[in-house]
């Protein structure tokens, strides 16, 4: 299939079936497209929509996002995961506020958290400039269409797919084409149970012709996911407030507020002595599991009923006493929020 026929079939399908009512499409602006593309990294549209709506209401411009405290930004992001995206978004907004919104691929890639594919999507959709993209949906469409075997994240296959993406990307209607490729992967050429008979490219799809749709794209060779174990300390005072600590700005849950963590129950006494706390009651809760992209975390929550001497909190704004659902702009990791929700119900 020639590039022209590929584009024609795809765009005819898009005109009839493409998604045209996503919140970041009305109105389209560089800021709104950038915000949506960052949120959509490794996250599905249905999950992103409510977060986007909250964000755009709170921060309708890059200037307002740039001037917002990072804690407030992280609080709005809480639950969406991959928190480095929020920190990078905040940094990038500050750069945009100073220098204006970039309009070239190189300048966009220089923004924190923006890679080649995200930059291409922004230029295509917001500026109607012809640039290839290669997000997960497009990788899947092209790998199946051309019958390409091998993990798409490997350097050789990755280069092959980028070359194909550039080969098929048109000069005209680049915004519609970019959206069409993402829509096709998200709604028709899905990871499981693809709707091949509804695909505009089915007549030349090598995976379909060779009965390999279920095999492509080739998955990454899976490794056994390791399991880490931690103890979460729920130090609760007489007011029902829980002691929270500010996590380091980088790493898992970077910049969020969370409960103190210990390697083992054997460390509890030393932790209590270090913080000069008086403990009135100790209660072990049920072990829970939270799965990250690269490991499982099994954590044992232990509730300590304590006094709350003021000299042990607010150390350089790294500790606070937190009353669940009464403090605004406190960004909690999803499993910690869920844990507090369950405690509140009890």
C-alpha atoms as a PDB file:
ATOM      1  CA  UNK A   1       0.000   0.000   0.000  1.00  0.00           C
ATOM      2  CA  UNK A   2       1.427   3.379  -1.005  1.00  0.00           C
ATOM      3  CA  UNK A   3       1.656   6.172   1.557  1.00  0.00           C
ATOM      4  CA  UNK A   4      -1.075   8.014  -0.322  1.00  0.00           C
ATOM      5  CA  UNK A   5      -3.469   5.046  -0.138  1.00  0.00           C
ATOM      6  CA  UNK A   6      -2.550   4.424   3.506  1.00  0.00           C
ATOM      7  CA  UNK A   7      -3.365   8.047   4.366  1.00  0.00           C
ATOM      8  CA  UNK A   8      -6.565   8.035   2.283  1.00  0.00           C
ATOM      9  CA  UNK A   9      -7.944   4.880   3.906  1.00  0.00           C
ATOM     10  CA  UNK A  10      -7.041   6.064   7.378  1.00  0.00           C
ATOM     11  CA  UNK A  11      -8.438   9.585   6.983  1.00  0.00           C
ATOM     12  CA  UNK A  12     -11.699   8.359   5.452  1.00  0.00           C
ATOM     13  CA  UNK A  13     -12.116   6.107   8.483  1.00  0.00           C
ATOM     14  CA  UNK A  14     -11.226   8.983  10.824  1.00  0.00           C
ATOM     15  CA  UNK A  15     -13.762  11.324   9.237  1.00  0.00           C
ATOM     16  CA  UNK A  16     -16.472   8.808  10.061  1.00  0.00           C
ATOM     17  CA  UNK A  17     -15.302   7.159  13.273  1.00  0.00           C
ATOM     18  CA  UNK A  18     -12.476   9.225  14.800  1.00  0.00           C
ATOM     19  CA  UNK A  19     -12.691  10.787  18.246  1.00  0.00           C
ATOM     20  CA  UNK A  20     -13.505  14.473  17.861  1.00  0.00           C
ATOM     21  CA  UNK A  21     -15.026  15.370  21.236  1.00  0.00           C
ATOM     22  CA  UNK A  22     -12.105  14.868  23.621  1.00  0.00           C
ATOM     23  CA  UNK A  23     -11.874  17.762  26.109  1.00  0.00           C
ATOM     24  CA  UNK A  24      -8.440  18.922  24.904  1.00  0.00           C
ATOM     25  CA  UNK A  25      -9.799  19.246  21.348  1.00  0.00           C
ATOM     26  CA  UNK A  26     -12.164  22.101  22.229  1.00  0.00           C
ATOM     27  CA  UNK A  27     -10.489  24.449  21.850  1.00  0.00           C
ATOM     28  CA  UNK A  28      -7.164  23.190  20.548  1.00  0.00           C
ATOM     29  CA  UNK A  29      -4.161  25.129  21.822  1.00  0.00           C
ATOM     30  CA  UNK A  30      -0.477  24.258  22.256  1.00  0.00           C
ATOM     31  CA  UNK A  31      -0.856  24.316  26.047  1.00  0.00           C
ATOM     32  CA  UNK A  32      -3.909  22.055  26.114  1.00  0.00           C
ATOM     33  CA  UNK A  33      -2.401  19.600  23.621  1.00  0.00           C
ATOM     34  CA  UNK A  34       0.883  19.471  25.546  1.00  0.00           C
ATOM     35  CA  UNK A  35      -0.913  18.913  28.849  1.00  0.00           C
ATOM     36  CA  UNK A  36      -3.036  16.111  27.383  1.00  0.00           C
ATOM     37  CA  UNK A  37      -0.107  14.404  25.658  1.00  0.00           C
ATOM     38  CA  UNK A  38       1.933  14.325  28.860  1.00  0.00           C
ATOM     39  CA  UNK A  39      -1.022  12.913  30.782  1.00  0.00           C
ATOM     40  CA  UNK A  40      -1.599  10.312  28.060  1.00  0.00           C
ATOM     41  CA  UNK A  41       1.913   8.929  28.373  1.00  0.00           C
ATOM     42  CA  UNK A  42       1.388   5.336  29.573  1.00  0.00           C
ATOM     43  CA  UNK A  43      -2.203   6.205  30.569  1.00  0.00           C
ATOM     44  CA  UNK A  44      -5.504   5.567  28.796  1.00  0.00           C
ATOM     45  CA  UNK A  45      -7.822   8.329  27.587  1.00  0.00           C
ATOM     46  CA  UNK A  46     -10.701   7.304  29.855  1.00  0.00           C
ATOM     47  CA  UNK A  47      -8.432   7.700  32.895  1.00  0.00           C
ATOM     48  CA  UNK A  48      -6.942  10.997  31.748  1.00  0.00           C
ATOM     49  CA  UNK A  49     -10.173  12.889  30.963  1.00  0.00           C
ATOM     50  CA  UNK A  50     -11.230  13.740  34.566  1.00  0.00           C
ATOM     51  CA  UNK A  51      -7.664  14.691  35.502  1.00  0.00           C
ATOM     52  CA  UNK A  52      -7.335  16.911  32.441  1.00  0.00           C
ATOM     53  CA  UNK A  53     -10.616  18.645  33.230  1.00  0.00           C
ATOM     54  CA  UNK A  54      -9.511  19.325  36.822  1.00  0.00           C
ATOM     55  CA  UNK A  55      -6.115  20.573  35.681  1.00  0.00           C
ATOM     56  CA  UNK A  56      -7.392  22.883  32.961  1.00  0.00           C
ATOM     57  CA  UNK A  57      -9.955  24.371  35.340  1.00  0.00           C
ATOM     58  CA  UNK A  58      -7.325  25.044  37.987  1.00  0.00           C
ATOM     59  CA  UNK A  59      -4.525  26.025  35.595  1.00  0.00           C
ATOM     60  CA  UNK A  60      -6.024  27.254  32.290  1.00  0.00           C
ATOM     61  CA  UNK A  61      -2.675  28.666  31.109  1.00  0.00           C
ATOM     62  CA  UNK A  62       0.991  27.750  31.308  1.00  0.00           C
ATOM     63  CA  UNK A  63       1.618  30.888  33.371  1.00  0.00           C
ATOM     64  CA  UNK A  64      -0.824  29.818  36.046  1.00  0.00           C
ATOM     65  CA  UNK A  65       0.673  26.327  36.124  1.00  0.00           C
ATOM     66  CA  UNK A  66       4.198  27.776  36.309  1.00  0.00           C
ATOM     67  CA  UNK A  67       3.274  29.993  39.264  1.00  0.00           C
ATOM     68  CA  UNK A  68       1.492  27.255  41.206  1.00  0.00           C
ATOM     69  CA  UNK A  69       3.214  25.583  44.185  1.00  0.00           C
ATOM     70  CA  UNK A  70       4.470  22.126  43.254  1.00  0.00           C
ATOM     71  CA  UNK A  71       2.501  20.606  46.147  1.00  0.00           C
ATOM     72  CA  UNK A  72      -0.733  21.858  44.594  1.00  0.00           C
ATOM     73  CA  UNK A  73       0.204  20.423  41.204  1.00  0.00           C
ATOM     74  CA  UNK A  74       1.078  17.056  42.723  1.00  0.00           C
ATOM     75  CA  UNK A  75      -2.178  17.086  44.671  1.00  0.00           C
ATOM     76  CA  UNK A  76      -4.197  17.412  41.454  1.00  0.00           C
ATOM     77  CA  UNK A  77      -2.050  14.701  39.854  1.00  0.00           C
ATOM     78  CA  UNK A  78      -2.407  12.255  42.761  1.00  0.00           C
ATOM     79  CA  UNK A  79      -3.781   8.925  41.545  1.00  0.00           C
ATOM     80  CA  UNK A  80      -2.651   9.340  37.942  1.00  0.00           C
ATOM     81  CA  UNK A  81       0.735   7.737  38.669  1.00  0.00           C
ATOM     82  CA  UNK A  82       4.191   8.256  37.170  1.00  0.00           C
ATOM     83  CA  UNK A  83       4.627  11.407  39.251  1.00  0.00           C
ATOM     84  CA  UNK A  84       7.791  12.474  37.467  1.00  0.00           C
ATOM     85  CA  UNK A  85       5.430  13.610  34.708  1.00  0.00           C
ATOM     86  CA  UNK A  86       3.837  16.154  37.054  1.00  0.00           C
ATOM     87  CA  UNK A  87       7.183  17.446  38.292  1.00  0.00           C
ATOM     88  CA  UNK A  88       8.450  17.759  34.716  1.00  0.00           C
ATOM     89  CA  UNK A  89       5.210  19.444  33.663  1.00  0.00           C
ATOM     90  CA  UNK A  90       5.691  22.060  36.369  1.00  0.00           C
ATOM     91  CA  UNK A  91       9.331  22.677  35.362  1.00  0.00           C
ATOM     92  CA  UNK A  92       8.414  22.869  31.679  1.00  0.00           C
ATOM     93  CA  UNK A  93       5.606  25.344  32.392  1.00  0.00           C
ATOM     94  CA  UNK A  94       8.132  27.632  34.068  1.00  0.00           C
ATOM     95  CA  UNK A  95      10.349  27.468  30.976  1.00  0.00           C
ATOM     96  CA  UNK A  96       7.362  28.164  28.712  1.00  0.00           C
ATOM     97  CA  UNK A  97       6.309  31.096  30.887  1.00  0.00           C
ATOM     98  CA  UNK A  98       9.756  32.656  30.462  1.00  0.00           C
ATOM     99  CA  UNK A  99      10.442  31.888  26.799  1.00  0.00           C
ATOM    100  CA  UNK A 100       7.077  31.214  25.158  1.00  0.00           C
ATOM    101  CA  UNK A 101       5.740  27.952  23.763  1.00  0.00           C
ATOM    102  CA  UNK A 102       8.295  26.164  21.524  1.00  0.00           C
ATOM    103  CA  UNK A 103       7.322  25.611  17.905  1.00  0.00           C
ATOM    104  CA  UNK A 104      10.124  23.330  16.705  1.00  0.00           C
ATOM    105  CA  UNK A 105      10.891  19.690  17.390  1.00  0.00           C
ATOM    106  CA  UNK A 106      14.288  20.388  18.949  1.00  0.00           C
ATOM    107  CA  UNK A 107      12.938  23.129  21.219  1.00  0.00           C
ATOM    108  CA  UNK A 108      10.040  20.962  22.380  1.00  0.00           C
ATOM    109  CA  UNK A 109      12.285  17.986  23.127  1.00  0.00           C
ATOM    110  CA  UNK A 110      14.342  20.298  25.322  1.00  0.00           C
ATOM    111  CA  UNK A 111      11.370  20.668  27.654  1.00  0.00           C
ATOM    112  CA  UNK A 112      11.446  18.352  30.687  1.00  0.00           C
ATOM    113  CA  UNK A 113       9.341  15.258  30.099  1.00  0.00           C
ATOM    114  CA  UNK A 114       8.855  15.759  26.354  1.00  0.00           C
ATOM    115  CA  UNK A 115      10.262  13.132  24.001  1.00  0.00           C
ATOM    116  CA  UNK A 116      10.288  12.869  20.231  1.00  0.00           C
ATOM    117  CA  UNK A 117       6.820  11.333  19.915  1.00  0.00           C
ATOM    118  CA  UNK A 118       5.155  13.762  22.333  1.00  0.00           C
ATOM    119  CA  UNK A 119       6.815  16.677  20.554  1.00  0.00           C
ATOM    120  CA  UNK A 120       5.650  15.366  17.189  1.00  0.00           C
ATOM    121  CA  UNK A 121       2.079  15.067  18.435  1.00  0.00           C
ATOM    122  CA  UNK A 122       2.117  18.637  19.780  1.00  0.00           C
ATOM    123  CA  UNK A 123       3.480  20.036  16.513  1.00  0.00           C
ATOM    124  CA  UNK A 124       1.024  18.032  14.410  1.00  0.00           C
ATOM    125  CA  UNK A 125      -2.118  18.675  16.422  1.00  0.00           C
ATOM    126  CA  UNK A 126      -1.517  22.163  17.793  1.00  0.00           C
ATOM    127  CA  UNK A 127       0.480  23.694  14.928  1.00  0.00           C
ATOM    128  CA  UNK A 128      -0.604  21.543  11.930  1.00  0.00           C
ATOM    129  CA  UNK A 129       3.038  20.793  11.157  1.00  0.00           C
ATOM    130  CA  UNK A 130       3.888  17.425   9.621  1.00  0.00           C
ATOM    131  CA  UNK A 131       5.757  15.351  12.193  1.00  0.00           C
ATOM    132  CA  UNK A 132       5.757  11.618  12.834  1.00  0.00           C
ATOM    133  CA  UNK A 133       4.761  10.140  16.179  1.00  0.00           C
ATOM    134  CA  UNK A 134       5.369   6.724  17.694  1.00  0.00           C
ATOM    135  CA  UNK A 135       3.377   6.191  20.860  1.00  0.00           C
ATOM    136  CA  UNK A 136       2.224   2.748  21.988  1.00  0.00           C
ATOM    137  CA  UNK A 137      -0.860   2.790  19.780  1.00  0.00           C
ATOM    138  CA  UNK A 138       1.080   3.715  16.651  1.00  0.00           C
ATOM    139  CA  UNK A 139       3.749   1.108  17.375  1.00  0.00           C
ATOM    140  CA  UNK A 140       1.065  -1.565  17.539  1.00  0.00           C
ATOM    141  CA  UNK A 141      -0.656  -0.434  14.315  1.00  0.00           C
ATOM    142  CA  UNK A 142       2.570  -0.281  12.302  1.00  0.00           C
ATOM    143  CA  UNK A 143       4.044  -3.511  13.723  1.00  0.00           C
ATOM    144  CA  UNK A 144       0.902  -5.415  12.749  1.00  0.00           C
ATOM    145  CA  UNK A 145       0.398  -3.683   9.426  1.00  0.00           C
ATOM    146  CA  UNK A 146       3.942  -4.500   8.268  1.00  0.00           C
ATOM    147  CA  UNK A 147       4.200  -7.814  10.151  1.00  0.00           C
ATOM    148  CA  UNK A 148       7.270  -6.670  12.087  1.00  0.00           C
ATOM    149  CA  UNK A 149       8.520  -9.135  14.671  1.00  0.00           C
ATOM    150  CA  UNK A 150      10.716  -8.326  17.639  1.00  0.00           C
ATOM    151  CA  UNK A 151      10.145  -6.184  20.705  1.00  0.00           C
ATOM    152  CA  UNK A 152       9.201  -2.677  19.555  1.00  0.00           C
ATOM    153  CA  UNK A 153      11.356  -1.110  22.267  1.00  0.00           C
ATOM    154  CA  UNK A 154      14.532  -2.679  20.882  1.00  0.00           C
ATOM    155  CA  UNK A 155      16.798  -0.299  18.987  1.00  0.00           C
ATOM    156  CA  UNK A 156      16.564  -1.994  15.569  1.00  0.00           C
ATOM    157  CA  UNK A 157      12.777  -2.442  15.602  1.00  0.00           C
ATOM    158  CA  UNK A 158      12.310   1.010  17.103  1.00  0.00           C
ATOM    159  CA  UNK A 159      14.268   2.586  14.246  1.00  0.00           C
ATOM    160  CA  UNK A 160      12.314   0.568  11.689  1.00  0.00           C
ATOM    161  CA  UNK A 161       9.021   1.766  13.149  1.00  0.00           C
ATOM    162  CA  UNK A 162      10.163   5.397  13.238  1.00  0.00           C
ATOM    163  CA  UNK A 163      11.153   5.138   9.582  1.00  0.00           C
ATOM    164  CA  UNK A 164       7.718   3.738   8.738  1.00  0.00           C
ATOM    165  CA  UNK A 165       5.941   6.403  10.759  1.00  0.00           C
ATOM    166  CA  UNK A 166       7.793   9.128   8.892  1.00  0.00           C
ATOM    167  CA  UNK A 167       7.164   7.364   5.564  1.00  0.00           C
ATOM    168  CA  UNK A 168       3.389   7.313   6.053  1.00  0.00           C
ATOM    169  CA  UNK A 169       2.927  10.733   7.706  1.00  0.00           C
ATOM    170  CA  UNK A 170       1.378  13.202   5.221  1.00  0.00           C
ATOM    171  CA  UNK A 171       2.205  16.839   4.679  1.00  0.00           C
ATOM    172  CA  UNK A 172      -1.477  17.795   4.567  1.00  0.00           C
ATOM    173  CA  UNK A 173      -4.053  17.123   7.307  1.00  0.00           C
ATOM    174  CA  UNK A 174      -1.237  16.139   9.644  1.00  0.00           C
ATOM    175  CA  UNK A 175      -3.322  16.922  12.748  1.00  0.00           C
ATOM    176  CA  UNK A 176      -6.157  14.642  11.627  1.00  0.00           C
ATOM    177  CA  UNK A 177      -3.717  11.943  10.544  1.00  0.00           C
ATOM    178  CA  UNK A 178      -1.906  11.980  13.897  1.00  0.00           C
ATOM    179  CA  UNK A 179      -5.178  11.763  15.804  1.00  0.00           C
ATOM    180  CA  UNK A 180      -6.391   9.039  13.428  1.00  0.00           C
ATOM    181  CA  UNK A 181      -3.356   6.845  14.082  1.00  0.00           C
ATOM    182  CA  UNK A 182      -3.794   7.176  17.838  1.00  0.00           C
ATOM    183  CA  UNK A 183      -7.541   6.544  17.570  1.00  0.00           C
ATOM    184  CA  UNK A 184      -7.096   3.487  15.363  1.00  0.00           C
ATOM    185  CA  UNK A 185      -4.716   1.909  17.872  1.00  0.00           C
ATOM    186  CA  UNK A 186      -6.874   2.826  20.848  1.00  0.00           C
ATOM    187  CA  UNK A 187     -10.270   1.761  19.489  1.00  0.00           C
ATOM    188  CA  UNK A 188      -9.728  -0.810  16.691  1.00  0.00           C
ATOM    189  CA  UNK A 189      -6.178  -2.185  16.636  1.00  0.00           C
ATOM    190  CA  UNK A 190      -6.263  -2.790  20.372  1.00  0.00           C
ATOM    191  CA  UNK A 191      -3.808  -4.870  22.373  1.00  0.00           C
ATOM    192  CA  UNK A 192      -6.355  -7.634  22.951  1.00  0.00           C
ATOM    193  CA  UNK A 193      -9.461  -8.491  20.939  1.00  0.00           C
ATOM    194  CA  UNK A 194      -8.690  -6.142  18.023  1.00  0.00           C
ATOM    195  CA  UNK A 195     -11.599  -5.339  15.684  1.00  0.00           C
ATOM    196  CA  UNK A 196      -9.788  -6.274  12.491  1.00  0.00           C
ATOM    197  CA  UNK A 197     -12.934  -6.357  10.330  1.00  0.00           C
ATOM    198  CA  UNK A 198     -13.527  -2.693  11.188  1.00  0.00           C
ATOM    199  CA  UNK A 199      -9.975  -1.636  10.329  1.00  0.00           C
ATOM    200  CA  UNK A 200      -9.495   0.557   7.248  1.00  0.00           C
ATOM    201  CA  UNK A 201      -6.059  -1.038   6.691  1.00  0.00           C
ATOM    202  CA  UNK A 202      -7.177  -4.675   6.868  1.00  0.00           C
ATOM    203  CA  UNK A 203      -6.731  -5.429   3.154  1.00  0.00           C
ATOM    204  CA  UNK A 204      -2.936  -5.035   3.396  1.00  0.00           C
ATOM    205  CA  UNK A 205      -2.334  -5.845   7.067  1.00  0.00           C
ATOM    206  CA  UNK A 206       0.431  -8.449   7.123  1.00  0.00           C
ATOM    207  CA  UNK A 207      -0.407  -9.638  10.641  1.00  0.00           C
ATOM    208  CA  UNK A 208      -3.997 -10.303   9.575  1.00  0.00           C
ATOM    209  CA  UNK A 209      -3.004 -11.958   6.295  1.00  0.00           C
ATOM    210  CA  UNK A 210      -0.509 -14.203   8.102  1.00  0.00           C
ATOM    211  CA  UNK A 211      -2.799 -14.888  11.085  1.00  0.00           C
ATOM    212  CA  UNK A 212      -0.300 -13.250  13.456  1.00  0.00           C
ATOM    213  CA  UNK A 213      -2.428 -10.470  14.908  1.00  0.00           C
ATOM    214  CA  UNK A 214      -2.420 -12.164  18.304  1.00  0.00           C
ATOM    215  CA  UNK A 215       1.374 -12.471  18.179  1.00  0.00           C
ATOM    216  CA  UNK A 216       2.200  -8.877  17.269  1.00  0.00           C
ATOM    217  CA  UNK A 217       3.634  -6.658  18.430  1.00  0.00           C
ATOM    218  CA  UNK A 218       6.119  -9.041  19.990  1.00  0.00           C
ATOM    219  CA  UNK A 219       6.014  -8.626  23.767  1.00  0.00           C
ATOM    220  CA  UNK A 220       9.129  -7.873  25.736  1.00  0.00           C
ATOM    221  CA  UNK A 221      10.621 -10.968  27.312  1.00  0.00           C
ATOM    222  CA  UNK A 222       9.130 -10.861  30.770  1.00  0.00           C
ATOM    223  CA  UNK A 223      11.205 -11.122  33.891  1.00  0.00           C
ATOM    224  CA  UNK A 224       9.908 -12.157  37.255  1.00  0.00           C
ATOM    225  CA  UNK A 225       8.837  -9.031  39.078  1.00  0.00           C
ATOM    226  CA  UNK A 226      10.638  -8.729  42.420  1.00  0.00           C
ATOM    227  CA  UNK A 227       8.749  -8.188  45.668  1.00  0.00           C
ATOM    228  CA  UNK A 228       9.795  -5.579  48.219  1.00  0.00           C
ATOM    229  CA  UNK A 229       8.473  -5.501  51.762  1.00  0.00           C
ATOM    230  CA  UNK A 230       8.039  -2.430  53.955  1.00  0.00           C
ATOM    231  CA  UNK A 231       6.299  -1.377  57.132  1.00  0.00           C
ATOM    232  CA  UNK A 232       4.112   1.748  56.966  1.00  0.00           C
ATOM    233  CA  UNK A 233       3.780   3.615  60.257  1.00  0.00           C
ATOM    234  CA  UNK A 234       0.372   5.173  60.868  1.00  0.00           C
ATOM    235  CA  UNK A 235       1.229   7.387  63.840  1.00  0.00           C
ATOM    236  CA  UNK A 236      -2.142   8.808  64.897  1.00  0.00           C
ATOM    237  CA  UNK A 237      -2.635  11.445  67.595  1.00  0.00           C
ATOM    238  CA  UNK A 238      -5.639  12.037  69.857  1.00  0.00           C
ATOM    239  CA  UNK A 239      -7.196  14.343  67.251  1.00  0.00           C
ATOM    240  CA  UNK A 240      -7.223  11.553  64.676  1.00  0.00           C
ATOM    241  CA  UNK A 241      -4.411  13.198  62.708  1.00  0.00           C
ATOM    242  CA  UNK A 242      -1.769  11.045  61.018  1.00  0.00           C
ATOM    243  CA  UNK A 243       1.918  11.939  60.845  1.00  0.00           C
ATOM    244  CA  UNK A 244       3.069  12.454  57.248  1.00  0.00           C
ATOM    245  CA  UNK A 245       6.532  12.993  55.828  1.00  0.00           C
ATOM    246  CA  UNK A 246       7.486  14.746  52.619  1.00  0.00           C
ATOM    247  CA  UNK A 247       9.170  12.287  50.263  1.00  0.00           C
ATOM    248  CA  UNK A 248      12.364  13.222  48.384  1.00  0.00           C
ATOM    249  CA  UNK A 249      11.736  15.112  45.119  1.00  0.00           C
ATOM    250  CA  UNK A 250      12.927  12.210  42.949  1.00  0.00           C
ATOM    251  CA  UNK A 251      12.170   8.515  43.043  1.00  0.00           C
ATOM    252  CA  UNK A 252       8.967   6.622  43.775  1.00  0.00           C
ATOM    253  CA  UNK A 253       6.176   9.016  44.827  1.00  0.00           C
ATOM    254  CA  UNK A 254       8.703  11.855  44.574  1.00  0.00           C
ATOM    255  CA  UNK A 255       7.547  15.074  46.237  1.00  0.00           C
ATOM    256  CA  UNK A 256       4.361  13.529  47.647  1.00  0.00           C
ATOM    257  CA  UNK A 257       3.340  13.254  51.278  1.00  0.00           C
ATOM    258  CA  UNK A 258       3.329   9.747  52.742  1.00  0.00           C
ATOM    259  CA  UNK A 259       3.558   7.885  56.031  1.00  0.00           C
ATOM    260  CA  UNK A 260       6.955   6.956  57.498  1.00  0.00           C
ATOM    261  CA  UNK A 261       8.424   3.723  56.109  1.00  0.00           C
ATOM    262  CA  UNK A 262      10.543   1.124  57.877  1.00  0.00           C
ATOM    263  CA  UNK A 263      12.342  -1.934  56.567  1.00  0.00           C
ATOM    264  CA  UNK A 264      11.052  -4.188  59.335  1.00  0.00           C
ATOM    265  CA  UNK A 265       8.882  -4.338  62.456  1.00  0.00           C
ATOM    266  CA  UNK A 266      12.133  -4.651  64.361  1.00  0.00           C
ATOM    267  CA  UNK A 267      12.878  -0.997  63.532  1.00  0.00           C
ATOM    268  CA  UNK A 268       9.745   0.397  65.191  1.00  0.00           C
ATOM    269  CA  UNK A 269      11.176   0.877  68.695  1.00  0.00           C
ATOM    270  CA  UNK A 270      14.212   2.761  67.385  1.00  0.00           C
ATOM    271  CA  UNK A 271      11.928   4.957  65.246  1.00  0.00           C
ATOM    272  CA  UNK A 272       9.732   5.767  68.246  1.00  0.00           C
ATOM    273  CA  UNK A 273      12.769   6.650  70.376  1.00  0.00           C
ATOM    274  CA  UNK A 274      14.297   8.753  67.614  1.00  0.00           C
ATOM    275  CA  UNK A 275      11.167  10.890  67.400  1.00  0.00           C
ATOM    276  CA  UNK A 276      10.602  10.946  71.171  1.00  0.00           C
ATOM    277  CA  UNK A 277       7.004   9.756  70.866  1.00  0.00           C
ATOM    278  CA  UNK A 278       4.821   8.316  73.594  1.00  0.00           C
ATOM    279  CA  UNK A 279       2.878   5.353  72.245  1.00  0.00           C
ATOM    280  CA  UNK A 280      -0.395   4.396  73.911  1.00  0.00           C
ATOM    281  CA  UNK A 281      -1.563   1.635  71.576  1.00  0.00           C
ATOM    282  CA  UNK A 282      -0.149  -0.475  68.721  1.00  0.00           C
ATOM    283  CA  UNK A 283      -2.237  -2.262  66.117  1.00  0.00           C
ATOM    284  CA  UNK A 284      -1.117  -4.270  63.102  1.00  0.00           C
ATOM    285  CA  UNK A 285      -3.366  -4.080  60.042  1.00  0.00           C
ATOM    286  CA  UNK A 286      -3.608  -6.417  57.058  1.00  0.00           C
ATOM    287  CA  UNK A 287      -0.657  -6.682  54.675  1.00  0.00           C
ATOM    288  CA  UNK A 288      -1.474  -5.051  51.322  1.00  0.00           C
ATOM    289  CA  UNK A 289       0.167  -5.098  47.885  1.00  0.00           C
ATOM    290  CA  UNK A 290       0.757  -2.235  45.465  1.00  0.00           C
ATOM    291  CA  UNK A 291       2.280  -2.998  42.075  1.00  0.00           C
ATOM    292  CA  UNK A 292       4.633  -0.594  40.331  1.00  0.00           C
ATOM    293  CA  UNK A 293       5.855  -1.058  36.775  1.00  0.00           C
ATOM    294  CA  UNK A 294       8.988  -2.869  37.926  1.00  0.00           C
ATOM    295  CA  UNK A 295       8.219  -4.421  41.325  1.00  0.00           C
ATOM    296  CA  UNK A 296       5.513  -5.419  43.784  1.00  0.00           C
ATOM    297  CA  UNK A 297       5.390  -3.649  47.134  1.00  0.00           C
ATOM    298  CA  UNK A 298       3.960  -5.639  50.046  1.00  0.00           C
ATOM    299  CA  UNK A 299       3.421  -3.286  52.955  1.00  0.00           C
ATOM    300  CA  UNK A 300       2.313  -3.884  56.526  1.00  0.00           C
ATOM    301  CA  UNK A 301       0.460  -0.888  58.032  1.00  0.00           C
ATOM    302  CA  UNK A 302       1.009  -0.553  61.761  1.00  0.00           C
ATOM    303  CA  UNK A 303      -1.141   1.961  63.603  1.00  0.00           C
ATOM    304  CA  UNK A 304       0.406   3.712  66.606  1.00  0.00           C
ATOM    305  CA  UNK A 305      -1.703   5.897  68.856  1.00  0.00           C
ATOM    306  CA  UNK A 306       0.707   8.592  70.028  1.00  0.00           C
ATOM    307  CA  UNK A 307       1.019  11.995  71.640  1.00  0.00           C
ATOM    308  CA  UNK A 308       1.985  14.724  69.184  1.00  0.00           C
ATOM    309  CA  UNK A 309       4.640  17.003  70.694  1.00  0.00           C
ATOM    310  CA  UNK A 310       5.061  20.035  68.465  1.00  0.00           C
ATOM    311  CA  UNK A 311       8.851  19.816  68.438  1.00  0.00           C
ATOM    312  CA  UNK A 312       8.621  16.615  66.385  1.00  0.00           C
ATOM    313  CA  UNK A 313       6.650  18.042  63.494  1.00  0.00           C
ATOM    314  CA  UNK A 314       7.019  20.758  60.886  1.00  0.00           C
ATOM    315  CA  UNK A 315      10.760  20.164  60.622  1.00  0.00           C
ATOM    316  CA  UNK A 316      11.668  22.316  57.624  1.00  0.00           C
ATOM    317  CA  UNK A 317       8.120  21.642  56.335  1.00  0.00           C
ATOM    318  CA  UNK A 318       9.010  17.959  55.948  1.00  0.00           C
ATOM    319  CA  UNK A 319       6.476  16.653  58.488  1.00  0.00           C
ATOM    320  CA  UNK A 320       2.850  17.489  59.170  1.00  0.00           C
ATOM    321  CA  UNK A 321      -0.089  16.144  61.139  1.00  0.00           C
ATOM    322  CA  UNK A 322      -2.736  15.332  58.561  1.00  0.00           C
ATOM    323  CA  UNK A 323      -6.503  15.059  59.007  1.00  0.00           C
ATOM    324  CA  UNK A 324      -7.847  13.009  56.102  1.00  0.00           C
ATOM    325  CA  UNK A 325     -10.287  14.776  53.766  1.00  0.00           C
ATOM    326  CA  UNK A 326      -9.853  18.086  55.654  1.00  0.00           C
ATOM    327  CA  UNK A 327      -6.507  19.207  54.228  1.00  0.00           C
ATOM    328  CA  UNK A 328      -6.490  20.545  50.692  1.00  0.00           C
ATOM    329  CA  UNK A 329      -3.508  20.435  48.346  1.00  0.00           C
ATOM    330  CA  UNK A 330      -1.859  17.501  50.128  1.00  0.00           C
ATOM    331  CA  UNK A 331      -0.683  15.087  47.443  1.00  0.00           C
ATOM    332  CA  UNK A 332      -0.977  11.498  48.660  1.00  0.00           C
ATOM    333  CA  UNK A 333       0.095   8.355  46.779  1.00  0.00           C
ATOM    334  CA  UNK A 334      -2.943   6.328  45.699  1.00  0.00           C
ATOM    335  CA  UNK A 335      -2.354   3.390  48.092  1.00  0.00           C
ATOM    336  CA  UNK A 336      -1.911   5.757  51.043  1.00  0.00           C
ATOM    337  CA  UNK A 337      -5.129   7.599  50.207  1.00  0.00           C
ATOM    338  CA  UNK A 338      -6.916   4.245  49.861  1.00  0.00           C
ATOM    339  CA  UNK A 339      -5.536   3.161  53.232  1.00  0.00           C
ATOM    340  CA  UNK A 340      -6.802   6.364  54.865  1.00  0.00           C
ATOM    341  CA  UNK A 341     -10.198   5.937  53.198  1.00  0.00           C
ATOM    342  CA  UNK A 342     -10.497   2.458  54.668  1.00  0.00           C
ATOM    343  CA  UNK A 343      -9.461   3.628  58.130  1.00  0.00           C
ATOM    344  CA  UNK A 344     -12.022   6.427  57.970  1.00  0.00           C
ATOM    345  CA  UNK A 345     -14.736   3.887  57.091  1.00  0.00           C
ATOM    346  CA  UNK A 346     -13.749   1.767  60.077  1.00  0.00           C
END
